[in-house]
Each structure stands twice: as structure tokens, then as C-alpha cells.
């Protein structure tokens, strides 16, 4: 895996969690990082998950939802035991996770934020999420993603 290792892949290796790395040529002109990954890898978009950082009652929380869906902020707040959620500033998300926007992974974050994974992930044998940089995805079993990220599973996505 020389040259493809990231903080996320290192965290998975340390935890002994099996995963597969998928690399593709990232096009900076593409409007949606997740949609780009789905198309480039030939994977159904409901199996590719995007990582979004929100503020719930002033604290950063990670929401992981299918790339075609949207993060339901109210549901994320409820799943996190909070009242109100808003999307975090990009700079705050990058600073706390150690990743750049479009490459934020729910695994191996600099500051371990609470993670909520949309329950739709649990219906697949494997799912895809960012490996920690644009153009790099990890594929793993949803239960392993929950374990690696210390995630809570809840319904936090809307079409």
C-alpha cells in the first residue's frame, strides 16, 4: 500500500480491521466528491458514504450518510443527544479532523469526534467512505466501520 497510506488506513491496520483501498483520479472540477467516487469506482451511490462535520449544541460531530442523500441535521442532533445542529465551518472541520474537505474520513481523525453512521449502511455487505484524501476510498463491512469509528447507528439521512 506504499504511497496510499493515510491516517485512516493506518488506524484500520492498527485495529486489525480488514479493508480494501480503492484509488481513482480525482477531478477537481467535479461538483460532488462522493458522486465522483461512485462513478469512478462503478459502485452504486447508496453504498458510497460521505463524511460531514456538523456542530451539535456547539460541539463538532461527524455524520456519515449516502452520497446521494442529505444529512438530516435535526436527526443528527437527536442521535447525538443534542437539540440543535448546524453544518460546521470547513476550516473547523479540517482543523479538528486533520483531513481536507472532500477527503474527510470518519476513521483516524486527529481529534476523535463522535460519529453517527446512517442506518442504511447496515443493509450492505460492504460500504465505501473516504480513506482520508480526495481520490481514495476504503471499502469495509459496515459493522467494522462502526467499530473503527466508534460510531452510533441512527437514521440521519434524507433524500
N, C-alpha and C. Protein backbone atom coordinates (compact mmCIF):
# COMPACT_ATOMS: atom_id res chain seq x y z
N UNK A 1 0.82 -1.18 0.00
CA UNK A 1 0.00 0.00 0.00
C UNK A 1 0.87 1.25 0.00
N UNK A 2 2.07 1.15 -0.41
CA UNK A 2 3.01 2.27 -0.42
C UNK A 2 2.43 3.44 -1.19
N UNK A 3 2.52 4.63 -0.60
CA UNK A 3 2.03 5.82 -1.27
C UNK A 3 0.54 6.05 -1.11
N UNK A 4 -0.18 5.04 -0.61
CA UNK A 4 -1.63 5.19 -0.46
C UNK A 4 -2.04 5.20 1.00
N UNK A 5 -1.08 5.09 1.89
CA UNK A 5 -1.41 5.06 3.30
C UNK A 5 -1.85 6.43 3.80
N UNK A 6 -2.86 6.44 4.64
CA UNK A 6 -3.36 7.67 5.26
C UNK A 6 -3.55 7.39 6.75
N UNK A 7 -3.89 8.41 7.49
CA UNK A 7 -4.18 8.22 8.90
C UNK A 7 -5.31 7.21 9.08
N UNK A 8 -6.30 7.27 8.19
CA UNK A 8 -7.45 6.35 8.26
C UNK A 8 -7.00 4.90 8.03
N UNK A 9 -6.21 4.67 6.99
CA UNK A 9 -5.79 3.29 6.71
C UNK A 9 -4.87 2.78 7.81
N UNK A 10 -4.03 3.66 8.37
CA UNK A 10 -3.15 3.26 9.47
C UNK A 10 -3.98 2.87 10.70
N UNK A 11 -5.04 3.63 10.98
CA UNK A 11 -5.91 3.33 12.13
C UNK A 11 -6.59 1.98 11.95
N UNK A 12 -7.03 1.69 10.73
CA UNK A 12 -7.68 0.40 10.46
C UNK A 12 -6.69 -0.75 10.60
N UNK A 13 -5.47 -0.54 10.09
CA UNK A 13 -4.44 -1.57 10.21
C UNK A 13 -4.11 -1.84 11.67
N UNK A 14 -3.96 -0.77 12.47
CA UNK A 14 -3.67 -0.93 13.90
C UNK A 14 -4.77 -1.71 14.62
N UNK A 15 -6.01 -1.46 14.22
CA UNK A 15 -7.16 -2.11 14.85
C UNK A 15 -7.38 -3.53 14.32
N UNK A 16 -6.62 -3.92 13.29
CA UNK A 16 -6.78 -5.25 12.71
C UNK A 16 -8.10 -5.41 11.95
N UNK A 17 -8.60 -4.32 11.40
CA UNK A 17 -9.88 -4.34 10.67
C UNK A 17 -9.60 -4.50 9.18
N UNK A 18 -10.21 -5.52 8.56
CA UNK A 18 -9.98 -5.73 7.12
C UNK A 18 -10.66 -4.66 6.28
N UNK A 19 -9.95 -4.20 5.25
CA UNK A 19 -10.50 -3.18 4.36
C UNK A 19 -9.77 -3.28 3.02
N UNK A 20 -10.36 -2.67 2.00
CA UNK A 20 -9.75 -2.59 0.68
C UNK A 20 -9.66 -1.12 0.30
N UNK A 21 -8.53 -0.71 -0.25
CA UNK A 21 -8.35 0.66 -0.70
C UNK A 21 -8.65 0.73 -2.20
N UNK A 22 -9.41 1.74 -2.59
CA UNK A 22 -9.73 1.99 -4.00
C UNK A 22 -9.28 3.40 -4.34
N UNK A 23 -8.43 3.50 -5.36
CA UNK A 23 -7.92 4.81 -5.77
C UNK A 23 -8.47 5.15 -7.15
N UNK A 24 -8.74 6.41 -7.35
CA UNK A 24 -9.19 6.87 -8.66
C UNK A 24 -8.64 8.28 -8.89
N UNK A 25 -8.62 8.70 -10.14
CA UNK A 25 -8.10 10.03 -10.48
C UNK A 25 -9.16 11.07 -10.13
N UNK A 26 -8.89 11.86 -9.11
CA UNK A 26 -9.83 12.90 -8.68
C UNK A 26 -9.81 14.06 -9.67
N UNK A 27 -11.01 14.48 -10.09
CA UNK A 27 -11.15 15.62 -10.98
C UNK A 27 -11.63 16.82 -10.15
N UNK A 28 -10.76 17.83 -9.97
CA UNK A 28 -11.14 18.97 -9.13
C UNK A 28 -12.37 19.74 -9.63
N UNK A 29 -12.75 19.53 -10.89
CA UNK A 29 -13.92 20.23 -11.43
C UNK A 29 -15.22 19.52 -11.08
N UNK A 30 -15.14 18.28 -10.59
CA UNK A 30 -16.36 17.53 -10.27
C UNK A 30 -17.08 18.20 -9.11
N UNK A 31 -18.40 18.32 -9.21
CA UNK A 31 -19.18 19.04 -8.20
C UNK A 31 -19.35 18.28 -6.89
N UNK A 32 -19.39 16.95 -6.95
CA UNK A 32 -19.64 16.15 -5.75
C UNK A 32 -18.57 15.09 -5.60
N UNK A 33 -17.81 15.16 -4.50
CA UNK A 33 -16.74 14.18 -4.28
C UNK A 33 -17.30 12.77 -4.20
N UNK A 34 -18.40 12.61 -3.48
CA UNK A 34 -19.00 11.28 -3.31
C UNK A 34 -19.55 10.72 -4.60
N UNK A 35 -20.24 11.57 -5.36
CA UNK A 35 -20.78 11.13 -6.64
C UNK A 35 -19.64 10.75 -7.58
N UNK A 36 -18.57 11.52 -7.54
CA UNK A 36 -17.40 11.23 -8.35
C UNK A 36 -16.84 9.85 -7.99
N UNK A 37 -16.73 9.56 -6.70
CA UNK A 37 -16.21 8.26 -6.25
C UNK A 37 -17.12 7.14 -6.74
N UNK A 38 -18.41 7.32 -6.61
CA UNK A 38 -19.38 6.31 -7.05
C UNK A 38 -19.21 6.02 -8.54
N UNK A 39 -19.13 7.07 -9.35
CA UNK A 39 -18.97 6.90 -10.80
C UNK A 39 -17.62 6.30 -11.15
N UNK A 40 -16.56 6.80 -10.55
CA UNK A 40 -15.20 6.34 -10.88
C UNK A 40 -14.99 4.87 -10.52
N UNK A 41 -15.61 4.45 -9.42
CA UNK A 41 -15.42 3.08 -8.96
C UNK A 41 -16.51 2.13 -9.47
N UNK A 42 -17.52 2.68 -10.13
CA UNK A 42 -18.60 1.84 -10.66
C UNK A 42 -19.41 1.18 -9.55
N UNK A 43 -19.63 1.94 -8.47
CA UNK A 43 -20.36 1.42 -7.31
C UNK A 43 -21.65 2.22 -7.14
N UNK A 44 -22.72 1.53 -6.80
CA UNK A 44 -24.00 2.18 -6.56
C UNK A 44 -23.84 3.29 -5.51
N UNK A 45 -24.40 4.48 -5.77
CA UNK A 45 -24.21 5.60 -4.84
C UNK A 45 -24.78 5.35 -3.44
N UNK A 46 -25.71 4.39 -3.31
CA UNK A 46 -26.23 4.14 -1.97
C UNK A 46 -25.25 3.35 -1.09
N UNK A 47 -24.15 2.86 -1.70
CA UNK A 47 -23.10 2.16 -0.93
C UNK A 47 -21.90 3.06 -0.66
N UNK A 48 -21.90 4.27 -1.23
CA UNK A 48 -20.80 5.20 -1.04
C UNK A 48 -21.27 6.28 -0.07
N UNK A 49 -20.51 6.46 1.02
CA UNK A 49 -20.93 7.37 2.08
C UNK A 49 -20.01 8.57 2.18
N UNK A 50 -20.63 9.73 2.42
CA UNK A 50 -19.85 10.96 2.60
C UNK A 50 -19.80 11.29 4.08
N UNK A 51 -18.71 11.93 4.46
CA UNK A 51 -18.48 12.29 5.85
C UNK A 51 -18.65 13.80 5.99
N UNK A 52 -19.60 14.20 6.82
CA UNK A 52 -19.91 15.61 7.02
C UNK A 52 -19.73 15.97 8.48
N UNK A 53 -19.20 17.15 8.73
CA UNK A 53 -18.97 17.60 10.09
C UNK A 53 -19.99 18.70 10.41
N UNK A 54 -20.69 18.49 11.52
CA UNK A 54 -21.69 19.46 11.97
C UNK A 54 -21.38 19.85 13.41
N UNK A 55 -22.00 20.94 13.83
CA UNK A 55 -21.91 21.37 15.23
C UNK A 55 -23.24 21.06 15.88
N UNK A 56 -23.20 20.23 16.92
CA UNK A 56 -24.41 19.94 17.69
C UNK A 56 -24.25 20.61 19.04
N UNK A 57 -25.12 21.57 19.31
CA UNK A 57 -25.05 22.34 20.55
C UNK A 57 -23.63 22.85 20.81
N UNK A 58 -22.95 23.28 19.74
CA UNK A 58 -21.62 23.87 19.86
C UNK A 58 -20.46 22.89 19.79
N UNK A 59 -20.72 21.58 19.79
CA UNK A 59 -19.65 20.57 19.72
C UNK A 59 -19.66 19.89 18.35
N UNK A 60 -18.46 19.65 17.80
CA UNK A 60 -18.37 19.02 16.49
C UNK A 60 -18.76 17.54 16.56
N UNK A 61 -19.53 17.12 15.55
CA UNK A 61 -20.00 15.73 15.43
C UNK A 61 -19.88 15.35 13.96
N UNK A 62 -19.53 14.09 13.70
CA UNK A 62 -19.39 13.57 12.35
C UNK A 62 -20.65 12.81 11.95
N UNK A 63 -21.22 13.19 10.82
CA UNK A 63 -22.36 12.46 10.25
C UNK A 63 -21.91 11.77 8.98
N UNK A 64 -22.27 10.49 8.82
CA UNK A 64 -21.86 9.72 7.65
C UNK A 64 -23.13 9.22 6.96
N UNK A 65 -23.36 9.75 5.74
CA UNK A 65 -24.61 9.46 5.02
C UNK A 65 -24.31 9.09 3.56
N UNK A 66 -25.27 8.41 2.89
CA UNK A 66 -25.07 8.07 1.48
C UNK A 66 -24.84 9.34 0.65
N UNK A 67 -24.00 9.24 -0.38
CA UNK A 67 -23.62 10.43 -1.15
C UNK A 67 -24.81 11.09 -1.85
N UNK A 68 -25.84 10.34 -2.18
CA UNK A 68 -26.99 10.95 -2.85
C UNK A 68 -27.97 11.57 -1.86
N UNK A 69 -27.84 11.24 -0.59
CA UNK A 69 -28.74 11.77 0.41
C UNK A 69 -28.20 13.05 1.02
N UNK A 70 -28.98 13.60 1.93
CA UNK A 70 -28.55 14.78 2.66
C UNK A 70 -28.55 14.47 4.14
N UNK A 71 -27.69 15.13 4.86
CA UNK A 71 -27.64 14.97 6.30
C UNK A 71 -28.84 15.67 6.92
N UNK A 72 -29.63 14.93 7.67
CA UNK A 72 -30.77 15.50 8.39
C UNK A 72 -30.24 16.03 9.72
N UNK A 73 -30.04 17.34 9.79
CA UNK A 73 -29.40 17.95 10.97
C UNK A 73 -30.20 17.73 12.25
N UNK A 74 -31.53 17.75 12.14
CA UNK A 74 -32.38 17.52 13.30
C UNK A 74 -32.17 16.10 13.83
N UNK A 75 -32.12 15.14 12.92
CA UNK A 75 -31.93 13.73 13.30
C UNK A 75 -30.54 13.52 13.88
N UNK A 76 -29.53 14.21 13.30
CA UNK A 76 -28.16 14.10 13.83
C UNK A 76 -28.10 14.64 15.25
N UNK A 77 -28.75 15.77 15.48
CA UNK A 77 -28.77 16.35 16.82
C UNK A 77 -29.41 15.38 17.81
N UNK A 78 -30.54 14.80 17.43
CA UNK A 78 -31.24 13.86 18.30
C UNK A 78 -30.38 12.62 18.58
N UNK A 79 -29.72 12.09 17.53
CA UNK A 79 -28.88 10.90 17.68
C UNK A 79 -27.67 11.18 18.55
N UNK A 80 -27.26 12.45 18.60
CA UNK A 80 -26.08 12.86 19.39
C UNK A 80 -26.46 13.32 20.79
N UNK A 81 -27.76 13.27 21.10
CA UNK A 81 -28.21 13.71 22.41
C UNK A 81 -28.25 15.22 22.55
N UNK A 82 -28.33 15.91 21.41
CA UNK A 82 -28.37 17.36 21.42
C UNK A 82 -29.69 17.91 20.94
N UNK A 83 -29.77 19.22 20.89
CA UNK A 83 -31.00 19.88 20.48
C UNK A 83 -30.91 20.49 19.09
N UNK A 84 -29.78 21.15 18.78
CA UNK A 84 -29.68 21.90 17.52
C UNK A 84 -28.37 21.60 16.83
N UNK A 85 -28.46 21.39 15.52
CA UNK A 85 -27.26 21.13 14.73
C UNK A 85 -27.21 22.06 13.53
N UNK A 86 -26.00 22.50 13.21
CA UNK A 86 -25.74 23.30 12.02
C UNK A 86 -24.46 22.73 11.39
N UNK A 87 -24.31 22.93 10.10
CA UNK A 87 -23.08 22.47 9.46
C UNK A 87 -21.90 23.27 10.01
N UNK A 88 -20.79 22.58 10.23
CA UNK A 88 -19.58 23.23 10.75
C UNK A 88 -18.90 24.02 9.64
N UNK A 89 -18.13 25.00 10.02
CA UNK A 89 -17.30 25.73 9.06
C UNK A 89 -16.26 24.75 8.51
N UNK A 90 -15.94 24.87 7.24
CA UNK A 90 -14.97 23.97 6.61
C UNK A 90 -13.63 24.01 7.35
N UNK A 91 -13.16 25.20 7.70
CA UNK A 91 -11.87 25.33 8.39
C UNK A 91 -11.89 24.58 9.73
N UNK A 92 -12.99 24.66 10.46
CA UNK A 92 -13.10 23.96 11.75
C UNK A 92 -13.10 22.45 11.54
N UNK A 93 -13.80 22.00 10.50
CA UNK A 93 -13.86 20.56 10.19
C UNK A 93 -12.47 20.05 9.82
N UNK A 94 -11.77 20.79 8.99
CA UNK A 94 -10.42 20.36 8.56
C UNK A 94 -9.44 20.38 9.73
N UNK A 95 -9.51 21.42 10.54
CA UNK A 95 -8.60 21.55 11.68
C UNK A 95 -8.79 20.40 12.68
N UNK A 96 -10.04 20.08 13.01
CA UNK A 96 -10.27 19.06 14.03
C UNK A 96 -10.05 17.64 13.52
N UNK A 97 -10.32 17.39 12.23
CA UNK A 97 -10.17 16.02 11.72
C UNK A 97 -8.77 15.75 11.18
N UNK A 98 -8.07 16.80 10.74
CA UNK A 98 -6.76 16.61 10.13
C UNK A 98 -6.86 16.24 8.65
N UNK A 99 -8.05 16.28 8.10
CA UNK A 99 -8.27 15.96 6.68
C UNK A 99 -8.78 17.20 5.95
N UNK A 100 -8.63 17.20 4.61
CA UNK A 100 -9.18 18.30 3.81
C UNK A 100 -10.60 17.96 3.39
N UNK A 101 -11.43 18.99 3.23
CA UNK A 101 -12.81 18.80 2.77
C UNK A 101 -12.79 18.00 1.47
N UNK A 102 -13.71 17.06 1.37
CA UNK A 102 -13.74 16.17 0.21
C UNK A 102 -12.90 14.93 0.44
N UNK A 103 -12.15 14.91 1.53
CA UNK A 103 -11.33 13.76 1.86
C UNK A 103 -11.41 13.43 3.35
N UNK A 104 -12.44 13.96 4.02
CA UNK A 104 -12.59 13.69 5.46
C UNK A 104 -13.09 12.27 5.65
N UNK A 105 -12.38 11.53 6.47
CA UNK A 105 -12.76 10.15 6.79
C UNK A 105 -13.36 10.11 8.19
N UNK A 106 -14.30 9.18 8.43
CA UNK A 106 -14.82 9.02 9.79
C UNK A 106 -13.83 8.27 10.68
N UNK A 107 -12.77 7.73 10.07
CA UNK A 107 -11.77 6.93 10.79
C UNK A 107 -10.45 7.69 10.85
N UNK A 108 -9.76 7.61 11.99
CA UNK A 108 -8.42 8.19 12.09
C UNK A 108 -8.37 9.70 12.15
N UNK A 109 -9.42 10.31 12.67
CA UNK A 109 -9.45 11.76 12.79
C UNK A 109 -8.46 12.24 13.84
N UNK A 110 -7.87 13.41 13.60
CA UNK A 110 -6.89 13.99 14.53
C UNK A 110 -7.50 14.10 15.93
N UNK A 111 -8.67 14.72 16.02
CA UNK A 111 -9.40 14.80 17.28
C UNK A 111 -10.60 13.88 17.10
N UNK A 112 -10.70 12.84 17.90
CA UNK A 112 -11.76 11.86 17.69
C UNK A 112 -13.13 12.46 18.01
N UNK A 113 -13.87 12.75 16.97
CA UNK A 113 -15.20 13.33 17.13
C UNK A 113 -16.23 12.20 17.23
N UNK A 114 -17.37 12.46 17.89
CA UNK A 114 -18.44 11.47 17.86
C UNK A 114 -18.87 11.25 16.41
N UNK A 115 -19.15 9.99 16.06
CA UNK A 115 -19.54 9.65 14.69
C UNK A 115 -20.92 9.00 14.72
N UNK A 116 -21.80 9.45 13.82
CA UNK A 116 -23.11 8.83 13.65
C UNK A 116 -23.19 8.36 12.20
N UNK A 117 -23.39 7.06 12.02
CA UNK A 117 -23.48 6.44 10.69
C UNK A 117 -24.95 6.21 10.37
N UNK A 118 -25.36 6.61 9.16
CA UNK A 118 -26.75 6.37 8.76
C UNK A 118 -27.04 4.88 8.73
N UNK A 119 -28.19 4.50 9.27
CA UNK A 119 -28.55 3.09 9.40
C UNK A 119 -28.64 2.35 8.06
N UNK A 120 -28.79 3.07 6.96
CA UNK A 120 -28.88 2.41 5.65
C UNK A 120 -27.61 1.63 5.33
N UNK A 121 -26.48 2.03 5.93
CA UNK A 121 -25.21 1.34 5.67
C UNK A 121 -25.27 -0.12 6.11
N UNK A 122 -26.06 -0.40 7.13
CA UNK A 122 -26.07 -1.73 7.72
C UNK A 122 -26.70 -2.79 6.81
N UNK A 123 -27.36 -2.36 5.73
CA UNK A 123 -28.00 -3.33 4.84
C UNK A 123 -27.07 -3.84 3.74
N UNK A 124 -25.83 -3.39 3.73
CA UNK A 124 -24.87 -3.81 2.70
C UNK A 124 -23.78 -4.69 3.31
N UNK A 125 -23.21 -5.57 2.46
CA UNK A 125 -22.08 -6.40 2.91
C UNK A 125 -20.87 -5.52 3.14
N UNK A 126 -20.64 -4.55 2.21
CA UNK A 126 -19.56 -3.59 2.37
C UNK A 126 -20.05 -2.22 1.93
N UNK A 127 -19.41 -1.19 2.49
CA UNK A 127 -19.68 0.19 2.10
C UNK A 127 -18.36 0.89 1.83
N UNK A 128 -18.43 2.05 1.19
CA UNK A 128 -17.26 2.83 0.84
C UNK A 128 -17.33 4.17 1.57
N UNK A 129 -16.19 4.65 2.05
CA UNK A 129 -16.10 6.01 2.59
C UNK A 129 -14.68 6.51 2.34
N UNK A 130 -14.47 7.78 2.56
CA UNK A 130 -13.17 8.37 2.27
C UNK A 130 -12.07 7.72 3.10
N UNK A 131 -10.94 7.53 2.44
CA UNK A 131 -9.76 6.96 3.13
C UNK A 131 -8.88 8.08 3.68
N UNK A 132 -9.32 9.33 3.54
CA UNK A 132 -8.56 10.42 4.12
C UNK A 132 -7.96 11.39 3.13
N UNK A 133 -8.23 11.17 1.84
CA UNK A 133 -7.86 12.18 0.85
C UNK A 133 -8.71 12.00 -0.38
N UNK A 134 -8.82 13.07 -1.16
CA UNK A 134 -9.63 13.04 -2.38
C UNK A 134 -9.06 12.00 -3.33
N UNK A 135 -9.94 11.19 -3.92
CA UNK A 135 -9.49 10.17 -4.87
C UNK A 135 -9.10 8.86 -4.22
N UNK A 136 -9.38 8.70 -2.93
CA UNK A 136 -9.02 7.47 -2.22
C UNK A 136 -10.18 7.07 -1.31
N UNK A 137 -10.71 5.87 -1.55
CA UNK A 137 -11.83 5.36 -0.76
C UNK A 137 -11.43 4.06 -0.07
N UNK A 138 -12.03 3.79 1.08
CA UNK A 138 -11.86 2.49 1.72
C UNK A 138 -13.19 1.76 1.64
N UNK A 139 -13.11 0.46 1.41
CA UNK A 139 -14.28 -0.41 1.39
C UNK A 139 -14.16 -1.34 2.57
N UNK A 140 -15.22 -1.41 3.38
CA UNK A 140 -15.19 -2.29 4.54
C UNK A 140 -16.61 -2.64 4.95
N UNK A 141 -16.73 -3.66 5.79
CA UNK A 141 -18.04 -4.05 6.30
C UNK A 141 -18.57 -2.94 7.19
N UNK A 142 -19.88 -2.64 7.12
CA UNK A 142 -20.42 -1.56 7.93
C UNK A 142 -20.18 -1.77 9.44
N UNK A 143 -20.26 -2.99 9.91
CA UNK A 143 -20.01 -3.25 11.34
C UNK A 143 -18.57 -2.91 11.70
N UNK A 144 -17.64 -3.12 10.76
CA UNK A 144 -16.24 -2.77 11.00
C UNK A 144 -16.06 -1.25 11.01
N UNK A 145 -16.82 -0.54 10.16
CA UNK A 145 -16.77 0.92 10.16
C UNK A 145 -17.27 1.45 11.50
N UNK A 146 -18.36 0.87 11.99
CA UNK A 146 -18.90 1.27 13.29
C UNK A 146 -17.84 1.07 14.37
N UNK A 147 -17.18 -0.09 14.34
CA UNK A 147 -16.16 -0.40 15.34
C UNK A 147 -14.96 0.56 15.23
N UNK A 148 -14.48 0.77 14.01
CA UNK A 148 -13.29 1.60 13.79
C UNK A 148 -13.53 3.05 14.17
N UNK A 149 -14.74 3.55 13.90
CA UNK A 149 -15.03 4.96 14.15
C UNK A 149 -15.69 5.18 15.52
N UNK A 150 -16.00 4.08 16.21
CA UNK A 150 -16.72 4.21 17.47
C UNK A 150 -18.08 4.84 17.24
N UNK A 151 -18.71 4.46 16.12
CA UNK A 151 -19.92 5.13 15.66
C UNK A 151 -21.20 4.64 16.34
N UNK A 152 -22.17 5.53 16.35
CA UNK A 152 -23.55 5.23 16.70
C UNK A 152 -24.26 5.05 15.37
N UNK A 153 -25.24 4.17 15.30
CA UNK A 153 -26.02 3.98 14.07
C UNK A 153 -27.42 4.55 14.29
N UNK A 154 -27.85 5.41 13.38
CA UNK A 154 -29.18 6.04 13.50
C UNK A 154 -29.64 6.48 12.11
N UNK A 155 -30.89 6.78 11.99
CA UNK A 155 -31.44 7.28 10.73
C UNK A 155 -31.17 8.79 10.68
N UNK A 156 -30.13 9.19 9.92
CA UNK A 156 -29.74 10.62 9.87
C UNK A 156 -29.70 11.17 8.45
N UNK A 157 -30.22 10.38 7.49
CA UNK A 157 -30.18 10.81 6.09
C UNK A 157 -31.58 11.07 5.57
N UNK A 158 -31.68 12.03 4.66
CA UNK A 158 -32.94 12.24 3.95
C UNK A 158 -32.63 12.40 2.47
N UNK A 159 -33.59 12.05 1.62
CA UNK A 159 -33.34 12.12 0.16
C UNK A 159 -33.04 13.52 -0.33
